Amino acid sequence: MLAPQASSTAIEATTTAGAVRGFAANGVEVFLGVPFAAPPVGALRFAAPQPPARWDGVRDATKRGCIAPQARPSKEEMEKALPGLDIEPLIGGAQVQGDDFLVLNVWKPPGAQSGLPVMVFIHGGAFTGGAGSADVYDGSAFARVGIVCVTINYRLGVEGFTPIPGAPTNLGLRDQIAALAWVRDNAAAFGGDAGNVTIFGESAGAMSVANLVVSPLAQGLFKRAIVQSGHGQMVRPIAVAQRLTKRLAKILRIQPTLEGFRSKPPAECVQALVKVSKPTSGIDLRNPDGREPAFGLSRFLPVYGDDVLPDYPDEALKKGAGADIELIVGTNTEEMNLYFVPSGVRRKIGKLLANFAVGKVEPKAREILKAYGINDKAKRPGDAFTEALTDLVFRWPARKFAAAHRGRTFVYDFGWRSPAYNDALGACHAIELPFVFDTLSTASGPRGLAGVNPPQEIATRMNAIWAEFARSGALPWPEYDAATRIVFKPETGVAAPEAPMIAERFYP
């Protein structure tokens, strides 16, 4: 993340809450840790976000702000989970957790400009971790091509995605909407055009973007959206999610009420999150159809059936929600490699355990894994397991989301393969991020996600495509529909029809 240097120049901007002081360096202007909502503490904890209190004088915006309360594994734990891989640039490293974390960061071109397109990024992290100030999300490259780039924080885990009786649901999404309202009201102060806003996000951030596309509360706050490794299926009915509320309350030894949860500090709630997130916790979060929409990746998801998401997102799309939004939906070719290659699961898992694991979240597990070749003698069970989950968790739901959208829609599939882990990591989850932001230096090297010497030309191409889409809506490939299935490959710059996925047989 860009930080002020000895040669930096102080600059100021005036927001609706007061003046902020940032810095200019390396051809961009930067403002860090700018509040878009009041700290969610005291009476505001588990409450809808409120505007920040006005301040006198000039607030320092030269340092990264606090990040949301979350579980941060030690270096030893990270090394055990992902041996030889450094993902701190993607999750925020050892940044300070605190109360005043509903903040955002702004990168803009230098000087007094106006009418610039705005891009607002929503970070991932399974709805339980991450930060908008992580190094890989440095918006400098976008600013250098005339974009005002904004990254945001939002409430996570227990604080953001637990439906608690007496409290508003989907508080994390409400925070994101509050950040977009702040952008609407303050874009001009940074040279941006509030009428030309593009939101984009990855993983849980992409799921959030998909939800915002159909949310009536987000209408009019953005014009375009980019969904990177996400879709609208990773949501739960409120009634199912309340099983999690009750289990958390039991762990915390409180009543499952607003008063009960407010009685426990955020740190204790994070500890409860860790306990309930263990595979051995035994909580059943399957929907009535027998599927677990997060496939065990997170206990904490947005819910539908409230004012934020009145309908299941894919059904809302079919009814015309978000039809006025220009949309890019994309995935990586080997998403689940991130979870199964460093851990050794892809190499070691056998047929019995693979069937058992998928069967815990998917009623058609045996048929699906058989279709992906788990019984083929020439194929390792772990390869079939990983390929099946890549399609089930990410690629096929993303295509369904794209097909259901009634407005302009484009689909990509990123296939550049990281050489990490002796070329086994491949086109894994999150690999596109340093290319989109043109921040390859943050994810390169012997322990980097992108390995040694990743191709700069792909980063230059992807950053330019994303920027032009935000500027004008133009893209170098045709729109997507279920009949033609034209999919763009950013690593080659070529678009072509995509072959049907095996997962489609089971979820047409």
Protein backbone atom coordinates (compact mmCIF):
# COMPACT_ATOMS: atom_id res chain seq x y z
CA MET A 1 0.00 0.00 0.00
CA LEU A 2 1.33 3.35 -1.04
CA ALA A 3 2.53 5.39 1.94
CA PRO A 4 3.83 8.95 2.24
CA GLN A 5 7.54 9.34 1.52
CA ALA A 6 9.96 12.10 2.37
CA SER A 7 9.27 13.58 -1.05
CA SER A 8 5.46 13.39 -0.64
CA THR A 9 3.32 16.52 -0.86
CA ALA A 10 0.42 17.15 1.55
CA ILE A 11 -2.97 17.66 -0.12
CA GLU A 12 -6.47 18.30 1.20
CA ALA A 13 -10.06 17.54 0.29
CA THR A 14 -13.32 18.49 1.99
CA THR A 15 -15.86 15.74 2.69
CA THR A 16 -19.37 16.12 4.06
CA ALA A 17 -17.99 15.44 7.56
CA GLY A 18 -14.93 17.70 7.36
CA ALA A 19 -11.58 18.26 5.70
CA VAL A 20 -9.01 15.47 5.26
CA ARG A 21 -5.30 15.65 4.57
CA GLY A 22 -3.77 13.06 2.24
CA PHE A 23 -0.56 12.98 0.25
CA ALA A 24 0.65 13.07 -3.33
CA ALA A 25 3.40 10.72 -4.44
CA ASN A 26 4.42 8.81 -7.57
CA GLY A 27 1.88 10.53 -9.77
CA VAL A 28 -1.24 9.91 -7.66
CA GLU A 29 -3.05 11.49 -4.72
CA VAL A 30 -4.01 9.26 -1.80
CA PHE A 31 -6.38 9.55 1.18
CA LEU A 32 -6.38 6.67 3.67
CA GLY A 33 -8.72 5.76 6.53
CA VAL A 34 -11.47 8.27 5.70
CA PRO A 35 -14.66 7.57 7.75
CA PHE A 36 -17.83 6.89 5.79
CA ALA A 37 -19.85 5.89 8.88
CA ALA A 38 -19.69 6.29 12.63
CA PRO A 39 -17.86 3.62 14.64
CA PRO A 40 -20.32 0.74 15.30
CA VAL A 41 -19.91 0.76 19.08
CA GLY A 42 -22.19 1.29 22.04
CA ALA A 43 -25.75 1.94 20.90
CA LEU A 44 -24.58 1.71 17.27
CA ARG A 45 -23.29 -1.83 17.65
CA PHE A 46 -25.52 -4.24 15.70
CA ALA A 47 -27.35 -1.16 14.39
CA ALA A 48 -27.67 0.26 10.89
CA PRO A 49 -24.66 2.39 9.90
CA GLN A 50 -24.91 6.08 10.74
CA PRO A 51 -23.05 9.04 9.21
CA PRO A 52 -19.75 9.93 10.86
CA ALA A 53 -19.71 12.80 13.33
CA ARG A 54 -18.39 16.03 11.88
CA TRP A 55 -14.92 17.09 12.95
CA ASP A 56 -13.19 20.43 13.20
CA GLY A 57 -9.89 21.19 11.54
CA VAL A 58 -8.24 18.79 9.14
CA ARG A 59 -8.27 15.03 9.78
CA ASP A 60 -5.10 13.11 9.00
CA ALA A 61 -5.66 10.69 6.11
CA THR A 62 -2.08 9.63 5.43
CA LYS A 63 -2.11 6.31 7.32
CA ARG A 64 -4.20 3.17 7.00
CA GLY A 65 -7.20 3.14 9.30
CA CYS A 66 -8.32 0.34 11.59
CA ILE A 67 -9.73 -2.87 10.19
CA ALA A 68 -12.82 -4.75 11.32
CA PRO A 69 -12.58 -7.20 14.25
CA GLN A 70 -11.60 -10.60 12.89
CA ALA A 71 -9.59 -13.70 13.69
CA ARG A 72 -6.01 -13.29 12.59
CA PRO A 73 -4.02 -16.54 12.52
CA SER A 74 -0.43 -16.45 13.69
CA LYS A 75 2.42 -16.85 11.23
CA GLU A 76 2.83 -20.41 12.47
CA GLU A 77 -0.85 -21.16 11.85
CA MET A 78 -0.69 -19.58 8.40
CA GLU A 79 2.38 -21.60 7.53
CA LYS A 80 0.63 -24.78 8.63
CA ALA A 81 -2.49 -24.00 6.59
CA LEU A 82 -0.69 -22.65 3.51
CA PRO A 83 2.93 -23.85 3.72
CA GLY A 84 5.30 -21.79 1.63
CA LEU A 85 2.65 -19.26 0.60
CA ASP A 86 2.46 -15.65 1.77
CA ILE A 87 -1.09 -14.30 1.44
CA GLU A 88 -0.71 -11.34 3.82
CA PRO A 89 -0.77 -8.91 0.88
CA LEU A 90 -4.27 -10.19 0.11
CA ILE A 91 -5.73 -10.23 3.61
CA GLY A 92 -4.13 -7.17 5.15
CA GLY A 93 -1.29 -8.56 7.23
CA ALA A 94 -0.92 -7.43 10.83
CA GLN A 95 -3.02 -4.28 10.59
CA VAL A 96 -4.60 -2.75 13.70
CA GLN A 97 -8.11 -3.77 14.65
CA GLY A 98 -10.19 -1.10 16.35
CA ASP A 99 -13.58 0.55 16.76
CA ASP A 100 -13.32 3.20 14.02
CA PHE A 101 -13.00 0.78 11.11
CA LEU A 102 -15.87 1.88 8.84
CA VAL A 103 -13.40 3.76 6.69
CA LEU A 104 -12.38 3.86 3.06
CA ASN A 105 -9.33 4.72 0.97
CA VAL A 106 -9.20 6.93 -2.11
CA TRP A 107 -6.67 7.10 -4.96
CA LYS A 108 -7.13 9.83 -7.54
CA PRO A 109 -5.29 11.46 -10.42
CA PRO A 110 -3.32 14.55 -9.42
CA GLY A 111 -4.70 18.05 -9.52
CA ALA A 112 -8.12 19.65 -9.59
CA GLN A 113 -10.09 17.46 -11.99
CA SER A 114 -13.78 16.68 -12.30
CA GLY A 115 -16.13 14.19 -13.90
CA LEU A 116 -13.79 11.21 -13.51
CA PRO A 117 -15.18 7.67 -13.39
CA VAL A 118 -15.22 6.07 -9.93
CA MET A 119 -14.47 2.45 -9.04
CA VAL A 120 -15.36 1.10 -5.59
CA PHE A 121 -13.78 -2.21 -4.54
CA ILE A 122 -15.25 -4.59 -1.94
CA HIS A 123 -12.70 -7.00 -0.46
CA GLY A 124 -13.18 -10.72 0.07
CA GLY A 125 -12.40 -12.95 3.04
CA ALA A 126 -15.32 -15.38 3.49
CA PHE A 127 -17.39 -12.60 5.13
CA THR A 128 -15.18 -13.05 8.20
CA GLY A 129 -11.83 -11.43 7.33
CA GLY A 130 -9.94 -9.10 5.05
CA ALA A 131 -9.48 -5.35 4.71
CA GLY A 132 -9.81 -2.75 1.99
CA SER A 133 -6.32 -1.54 2.85
CA ALA A 134 -4.52 -4.79 1.97
CA ASP A 135 -1.45 -4.17 -0.19
CA VAL A 136 -2.77 -5.92 -3.30
CA TYR A 137 -5.71 -3.45 -3.47
CA ASP A 138 -3.52 -0.38 -3.97
CA GLY A 139 -5.53 1.73 -6.43
CA SER A 140 -2.58 3.70 -7.85
CA ALA A 141 -2.66 2.04 -11.27
CA PHE A 142 -6.32 2.97 -11.72
CA ALA A 143 -5.63 6.55 -10.64
CA ARG A 144 -2.80 6.84 -13.18
CA VAL A 145 -5.26 6.13 -16.01
CA GLY A 146 -7.86 8.63 -14.86
CA ILE A 147 -9.96 6.64 -12.39
CA VAL A 148 -10.91 7.57 -8.83
CA CYS A 149 -10.44 4.26 -7.01
CA VAL A 150 -12.02 3.60 -3.61
CA THR A 151 -11.60 0.56 -1.33
CA ILE A 152 -13.77 0.02 1.73
CA ASN A 153 -14.11 -1.88 5.00
CA TYR A 154 -17.35 -3.33 6.36
CA ARG A 155 -18.52 -5.32 9.36
CA LEU A 156 -17.59 -9.00 9.28
CA GLY A 157 -18.59 -12.26 10.91
CA VAL A 158 -20.76 -12.03 13.99
CA GLU A 159 -20.97 -8.24 13.78
CA GLY A 160 -21.88 -8.12 10.10
CA PHE A 161 -23.62 -11.32 9.02
CA THR A 162 -25.54 -12.78 11.96
CA PRO A 163 -29.33 -12.34 11.92
CA ILE A 164 -30.00 -11.32 15.52
CA PRO A 165 -33.59 -10.76 16.71
CA GLY A 166 -34.08 -7.07 17.38
CA ALA A 167 -31.22 -6.00 15.09
CA PRO A 168 -31.17 -5.20 11.36
CA THR A 169 -30.05 -8.08 9.19
CA ASN A 170 -27.21 -7.96 6.64
CA LEU A 171 -25.29 -5.25 8.49
CA GLY A 172 -22.18 -5.90 6.40
CA LEU A 173 -24.15 -5.23 3.21
CA ARG A 174 -25.73 -2.16 4.81
CA ASP A 175 -22.21 -0.87 5.53
CA GLN A 176 -21.31 -1.34 1.87
CA ILE A 177 -24.43 0.57 0.83
CA ALA A 178 -23.52 3.35 3.29
CA ALA A 179 -20.06 3.53 1.71
CA LEU A 180 -21.65 3.87 -1.73
CA ALA A 181 -23.92 6.64 -0.41
CA TRP A 182 -20.78 8.39 0.88
CA VAL A 183 -19.23 8.06 -2.59
CA ARG A 184 -22.37 9.58 -4.12
CA ASP A 185 -22.17 12.55 -1.75
CA ASN A 186 -18.38 13.02 -1.85
CA ALA A 187 -17.16 11.85 -5.26
CA ALA A 188 -16.95 15.40 -6.60
CA ALA A 189 -14.58 16.41 -3.77
CA PHE A 190 -12.05 13.95 -5.22
CA GLY A 191 -12.73 14.73 -8.88
CA GLY A 192 -15.17 11.87 -9.38
CA ASP A 193 -18.52 11.65 -11.15
CA ALA A 194 -21.21 10.31 -8.79
CA GLY A 195 -23.23 9.32 -11.84
CA ASN A 196 -20.51 7.03 -13.20
CA VAL A 197 -19.69 4.58 -10.42
CA THR A 198 -18.58 0.98 -10.95
CA ILE A 199 -18.47 -1.44 -8.04
CA PHE A 200 -16.23 -4.48 -8.13
CA GLY A 201 -15.26 -7.17 -5.66
CA GLU A 202 -13.64 -10.56 -5.31
CA SER A 203 -14.81 -13.73 -3.51
CA ALA A 204 -17.03 -12.61 -0.59
CA GLY A 205 -16.67 -9.10 -2.04
CA ALA A 206 -17.95 -10.42 -5.38
CA MET A 207 -20.86 -12.16 -3.65
CA SER A 208 -21.57 -8.78 -2.05
CA VAL A 209 -21.47 -7.04 -5.43
CA ALA A 210 -23.91 -9.62 -6.83
CA ASN A 211 -26.24 -8.95 -3.89
CA LEU A 212 -25.98 -5.17 -4.34
CA VAL A 213 -26.91 -5.52 -8.01
CA VAL A 214 -30.35 -6.82 -6.98
CA SER A 215 -30.80 -4.92 -3.70
CA PRO A 216 -33.50 -2.23 -3.78
CA LEU A 217 -31.52 -0.29 -1.15
CA ALA A 218 -28.55 0.06 -3.53
CA GLN A 219 -30.55 1.30 -6.52
CA GLY A 220 -29.10 4.40 -8.14
CA LEU A 221 -25.77 4.20 -6.29
CA PHE A 222 -23.76 2.63 -9.14
CA LYS A 223 -23.95 2.16 -12.89
CA ARG A 224 -21.77 -0.89 -13.51
CA ALA A 225 -20.57 -3.92 -11.57
CA ILE A 226 -17.78 -6.49 -11.82
CA VAL A 227 -18.18 -9.82 -10.01
CA GLN A 228 -14.80 -11.58 -9.63
CA SER A 229 -15.25 -15.18 -8.43
CA GLY A 230 -18.73 -14.62 -7.07
CA HIS A 231 -22.45 -14.94 -7.78
CA GLY A 232 -25.84 -14.69 -6.10
CA GLN A 233 -26.26 -18.22 -4.74
CA MET A 234 -24.11 -17.89 -1.61
CA VAL A 235 -26.92 -16.62 0.63
CA ARG A 236 -29.12 -18.25 3.24
CA PRO A 237 -32.78 -17.92 4.23
CA ILE A 238 -33.02 -16.01 7.49
CA ALA A 239 -34.51 -19.03 9.28
CA VAL A 240 -31.52 -21.21 8.38
CA ALA A 241 -29.00 -18.53 9.35
CA GLN A 242 -30.67 -18.16 12.75
CA ARG A 243 -29.45 -21.67 13.59
CA LEU A 244 -26.01 -20.05 13.58
CA THR A 245 -27.27 -17.24 15.81
CA LYS A 246 -28.49 -19.75 18.38
CA ARG A 247 -25.26 -21.75 18.29
CA LEU A 248 -23.17 -18.59 18.75
CA ALA A 249 -25.36 -17.56 21.68
CA LYS A 250 -24.85 -20.95 23.28
CA ILE A 251 -21.07 -20.66 22.89
CA LEU A 252 -21.14 -17.14 24.35
CA ARG A 253 -23.56 -18.18 27.14
CA ILE A 254 -26.07 -15.47 26.31
CA GLN A 255 -29.63 -15.22 25.06
CA PRO A 256 -29.84 -15.01 21.25
CA THR A 257 -31.01 -11.40 21.40
CA LEU A 258 -29.65 -7.97 20.61
CA GLU A 259 -29.06 -7.31 24.29
CA GLY A 260 -27.28 -10.64 24.66
CA PHE A 261 -24.83 -10.05 21.83
CA ARG A 262 -24.20 -6.45 22.88
CA SER A 263 -23.20 -7.74 26.29
CA LYS A 264 -20.15 -9.45 24.82
CA PRO A 265 -17.17 -7.48 23.46
CA PRO A 266 -16.17 -7.96 19.80
CA ALA A 267 -13.12 -10.00 20.79
CA GLU A 268 -15.29 -12.63 22.49
CA CYS A 269 -17.58 -12.74 19.47
CA VAL A 270 -14.54 -13.37 17.26
CA GLN A 271 -13.51 -16.24 19.55
CA ALA A 272 -17.02 -17.69 19.22
CA LEU A 273 -16.76 -17.33 15.43
CA VAL A 274 -13.55 -19.39 15.46
CA LYS A 275 -15.23 -22.14 17.47
CA VAL A 276 -18.36 -22.31 15.34
CA SER A 277 -16.30 -22.27 12.13
CA LYS A 278 -14.44 -25.49 12.95
CA PRO A 279 -15.42 -28.49 10.80
CA THR A 280 -16.16 -30.35 14.02
CA SER A 281 -18.72 -27.79 15.24
CA GLY A 282 -21.50 -29.97 13.84
CA ILE A 283 -23.88 -27.15 12.93
CA ASP A 284 -26.23 -27.93 10.04
CA LEU A 285 -26.63 -24.93 7.72
CA ARG A 286 -28.09 -26.76 4.75
CA ASN A 287 -31.01 -25.19 2.98
CA PRO A 288 -34.34 -27.04 2.58
CA ASP A 289 -33.05 -28.51 -0.71
CA GLY A 290 -30.24 -30.24 1.20
CA ARG A 291 -27.46 -28.01 -0.14
CA GLU A 292 -25.08 -25.89 1.87
CA PRO A 293 -24.54 -22.83 -0.37
CA ALA A 294 -21.10 -21.95 1.05
CA PHE A 295 -19.88 -25.56 0.72
CA GLY A 296 -18.32 -25.22 4.17
CA LEU A 297 -16.09 -22.28 3.20
CA SER A 298 -17.89 -19.94 5.62
CA ARG A 299 -20.58 -20.16 8.26
CA PHE A 300 -21.35 -16.47 7.74
CA LEU A 301 -23.29 -15.39 4.66
CA PRO A 302 -25.77 -12.68 3.71
CA VAL A 303 -29.41 -13.61 4.20
CA TYR A 304 -32.44 -13.00 2.00
CA GLY A 305 -35.99 -12.19 3.01
CA ASP A 306 -35.35 -8.69 4.41
CA ASP A 307 -35.34 -5.16 2.97
CA VAL A 308 -31.75 -5.53 1.69
CA LEU A 309 -32.44 -8.77 -0.20
CA PRO A 310 -36.19 -9.36 -0.38
CA ASP A 311 -35.72 -12.25 -2.83
CA TYR A 312 -33.20 -14.92 -3.60
CA PRO A 313 -30.74 -13.02 -5.86
CA ASP A 314 -31.02 -15.26 -8.94
CA GLU A 315 -34.82 -15.08 -8.76
CA ALA A 316 -34.63 -11.31 -8.36
CA LEU A 317 -32.56 -11.13 -11.56
CA LYS A 318 -35.18 -13.10 -13.45
CA LYS A 319 -37.78 -10.56 -12.31
CA GLY A 320 -35.68 -7.75 -13.78
CA ALA A 321 -33.74 -6.54 -10.74
CA GLY A 322 -30.47 -4.90 -11.75
CA ALA A 323 -31.38 -4.86 -15.44
CA ASP A 324 -30.09 -1.29 -15.68
CA ILE A 325 -26.65 -2.33 -14.38
CA GLU A 326 -23.92 -3.20 -16.90
CA LEU A 327 -22.29 -6.36 -15.58
CA ILE A 328 -19.08 -8.38 -15.85
CA VAL A 329 -19.10 -11.80 -14.17
CA GLY A 330 -15.96 -13.90 -14.09
CA THR A 331 -14.14 -16.76 -12.44
CA ASN A 332 -10.73 -18.41 -12.43
CA THR A 333 -10.30 -21.75 -14.14
CA GLU A 334 -8.96 -23.63 -11.10
CA GLU A 335 -10.51 -21.76 -8.17
CA MET A 336 -10.35 -24.47 -5.53
CA ASN A 337 -6.65 -25.13 -6.04
CA LEU A 338 -5.98 -22.39 -3.47
CA TYR A 339 -7.71 -24.45 -0.79
CA PHE A 340 -6.56 -27.92 -1.81
CA VAL A 341 -3.05 -27.65 -3.32
CA PRO A 342 -1.05 -25.98 -0.49
CA SER A 343 -2.83 -28.13 2.10
CA GLY A 344 -2.02 -31.31 0.19
CA VAL A 345 -5.69 -32.33 -0.05
CA ARG A 346 -5.70 -32.47 -3.84
CA ARG A 347 -2.76 -34.89 -3.80
CA LYS A 348 -3.80 -37.06 -0.85
CA ILE A 349 -7.59 -37.30 -0.67
CA GLY A 350 -9.16 -40.65 -1.61
CA LYS A 351 -12.52 -41.53 -3.14
CA LEU A 352 -14.20 -42.40 0.15
CA LEU A 353 -13.25 -39.17 1.90
CA ALA A 354 -14.01 -37.07 -1.19
CA ASN A 355 -17.52 -38.52 -1.42
CA PHE A 356 -18.03 -38.00 2.31
CA ALA A 357 -16.81 -34.38 2.23
CA VAL A 358 -18.97 -33.34 -0.73
CA GLY A 359 -21.90 -35.36 0.64
CA LYS A 360 -21.95 -33.15 3.75
CA VAL A 361 -22.99 -30.16 1.62
CA GLU A 362 -24.37 -31.62 -1.60
CA PRO A 363 -27.05 -34.38 -1.81
CA LYS A 364 -25.96 -35.46 -5.31
CA ALA A 365 -22.31 -35.85 -4.31
CA ARG A 366 -21.73 -39.38 -5.61
CA GLU A 367 -23.30 -38.72 -9.00
CA ILE A 368 -21.41 -35.46 -9.42
CA LEU A 369 -18.01 -36.84 -8.46
CA LYS A 370 -18.56 -39.86 -10.72
CA ALA A 371 -19.33 -37.49 -13.60
CA TYR A 372 -16.08 -35.62 -12.88
CA GLY A 373 -14.15 -38.88 -13.18
CA ILE A 374 -13.47 -39.89 -9.60
CA ASN A 375 -13.70 -43.56 -10.58
CA ASP A 376 -11.37 -43.21 -13.57
CA LYS A 377 -8.16 -45.13 -13.03
CA ALA A 378 -6.16 -42.55 -14.98
CA LYS A 379 -7.34 -39.70 -12.73
CA ARG A 380 -6.50 -38.98 -9.12
CA PRO A 381 -9.56 -38.70 -6.84
CA GLY A 382 -8.26 -35.33 -5.65
CA ASP A 383 -8.27 -33.94 -9.18
CA ALA A 384 -11.91 -34.92 -9.69
CA PHE A 385 -12.77 -33.57 -6.24
CA THR A 386 -11.10 -30.20 -6.86
CA GLU A 387 -12.49 -29.78 -10.38
CA ALA A 388 -16.02 -30.60 -9.23
CA LEU A 389 -15.94 -28.12 -6.36
CA THR A 390 -14.42 -25.41 -8.57
CA ASP A 391 -17.44 -25.65 -10.84
CA LEU A 392 -20.03 -26.17 -8.09
CA VAL A 393 -18.82 -23.41 -5.78
CA PHE A 394 -17.76 -20.77 -8.32
CA ARG A 395 -17.84 -21.28 -12.07
CA TRP A 396 -21.30 -22.72 -12.72
CA PRO A 397 -23.23 -20.45 -10.28
CA ALA A 398 -21.43 -17.47 -11.85
CA ARG A 399 -22.60 -18.51 -15.32
CA LYS A 400 -26.16 -18.92 -14.00
CA PHE A 401 -26.02 -15.43 -12.49
CA ALA A 402 -24.81 -14.00 -15.79
CA ALA A 403 -27.51 -15.82 -17.77
CA ALA A 404 -30.27 -14.63 -15.43
CA HIS A 405 -29.24 -10.96 -15.65
CA ARG A 406 -31.50 -9.08 -18.08
CA GLY A 407 -29.13 -6.20 -18.79
CA ARG A 408 -25.78 -6.01 -20.63
CA THR A 409 -23.69 -8.91 -19.35
CA PHE A 410 -20.16 -10.10 -20.09
CA VAL A 411 -18.33 -13.19 -18.82
CA TYR A 412 -14.60 -13.91 -18.44
CA ASP A 413 -12.63 -16.92 -17.21
CA PHE A 414 -9.07 -16.22 -16.05
CA GLY A 415 -6.75 -19.10 -16.86
CA TRP A 416 -3.21 -17.87 -16.24
CA ARG A 417 -1.54 -20.51 -14.11
CA SER A 418 0.66 -19.55 -11.18
CA PRO A 419 3.91 -21.54 -11.14
CA ALA A 420 3.80 -21.80 -7.34
CA TYR A 421 3.94 -25.26 -5.78
CA ASN A 422 5.84 -26.68 -8.74
CA ASP A 423 3.22 -25.41 -11.19
CA ALA A 424 0.37 -27.04 -9.25
CA LEU A 425 -1.31 -23.90 -7.85
CA GLY A 426 -2.48 -22.84 -11.28
CA ALA A 427 -5.37 -20.46 -11.98
CA CYS A 428 -6.52 -20.55 -8.39
CA HIS A 429 -8.88 -18.43 -6.34
CA ALA A 430 -7.70 -14.79 -6.01
CA ILE A 431 -4.93 -15.14 -8.61
CA GLU A 432 -6.52 -12.42 -10.79
CA LEU A 433 -6.31 -9.73 -8.08
CA PRO A 434 -2.71 -8.53 -8.58
CA PHE A 435 -3.40 -8.46 -12.33
CA VAL A 436 -6.61 -6.43 -12.01
CA PHE A 437 -4.96 -3.87 -9.71
CA ASP A 438 -1.61 -4.08 -11.54
CA THR A 439 0.09 -4.77 -8.22
CA LEU A 440 2.10 -7.86 -9.19
CA SER A 441 4.97 -6.84 -6.94
CA THR A 442 2.78 -7.51 -3.88
CA ALA A 443 2.13 -11.14 -4.88
CA SER A 444 5.38 -12.13 -6.60
CA GLY A 445 8.46 -13.98 -5.44
CA PRO A 446 9.29 -17.45 -4.10
CA ARG A 447 6.40 -17.29 -1.59
CA GLY A 448 4.08 -15.11 -3.65
CA LEU A 449 0.69 -16.23 -4.95
CA ALA A 450 1.76 -15.37 -8.50
CA GLY A 451 5.18 -16.96 -8.17
CA VAL A 452 8.36 -15.61 -9.67
CA ASN A 453 8.22 -13.17 -12.60
CA PRO A 454 4.50 -13.17 -13.47
CA PRO A 455 3.71 -11.57 -16.85
CA GLN A 456 3.32 -7.80 -16.58
CA GLU A 457 1.59 -7.60 -19.96
CA ILE A 458 -1.44 -9.45 -18.57
CA ALA A 459 -1.68 -7.04 -15.63
CA THR A 460 -1.45 -4.08 -18.01
CA ARG A 461 -4.23 -5.56 -20.17
CA MET A 462 -6.61 -6.43 -17.30
CA ASN A 463 -6.18 -3.12 -15.51
CA ALA A 464 -6.86 -1.27 -18.78
CA ILE A 465 -9.97 -3.37 -19.55
CA TRP A 466 -11.42 -2.83 -16.09
CA ALA A 467 -10.67 0.91 -16.29
CA GLU A 468 -12.27 1.32 -19.74
CA PHE A 469 -15.37 -0.58 -18.63
CA ALA A 470 -15.68 1.83 -15.70
CA ARG A 471 -15.11 4.79 -18.02
CA SER A 472 -17.49 3.93 -20.85
CA GLY A 473 -18.93 0.42 -20.51
CA ALA A 474 -16.90 -0.72 -23.54
CA LEU A 475 -15.32 -4.17 -23.59
CA PRO A 476 -13.27 -6.03 -26.22
CA TRP A 477 -15.60 -9.05 -26.39
CA PRO A 478 -19.30 -9.76 -27.06
CA GLU A 479 -22.10 -9.96 -24.53
CA TYR A 480 -22.90 -13.28 -22.87
CA ASP A 481 -26.05 -15.30 -23.27
CA ALA A 482 -26.89 -18.88 -22.45
CA ALA A 483 -27.05 -19.84 -26.15
CA THR A 484 -23.74 -18.45 -27.43
CA ARG A 485 -21.78 -18.73 -24.14
CA ILE A 486 -19.05 -16.36 -25.32
CA VAL A 487 -16.37 -16.15 -22.61
CA PHE A 488 -13.29 -13.91 -22.63
CA LYS A 489 -9.83 -15.16 -21.58
CA PRO A 490 -7.95 -12.15 -20.10
CA GLU A 491 -4.60 -13.95 -20.18
CA THR A 492 -4.78 -14.31 -23.99
CA GLY A 493 -7.17 -11.51 -24.98
CA VAL A 494 -9.33 -14.04 -26.90
CA ALA A 495 -13.07 -14.67 -26.56
CA ALA A 496 -14.69 -17.94 -27.65
CA PRO A 497 -17.73 -20.15 -26.90
CA GLU A 498 -17.33 -22.08 -23.67
CA ALA A 499 -18.06 -25.79 -23.55
CA PRO A 500 -20.86 -26.95 -21.22
CA MET A 501 -19.80 -27.76 -17.66
CA ILE A 502 -20.48 -31.11 -16.08
CA ALA A 503 -22.13 -29.27 -13.17
CA GLU A 504 -24.78 -28.04 -15.58
CA ARG A 505 -26.21 -31.55 -15.82
CA PHE A 506 -27.13 -31.42 -12.16
CA TYR A 507 -28.18 -27.75 -11.91
CA PRO A 508 -29.51 -26.64 -15.30
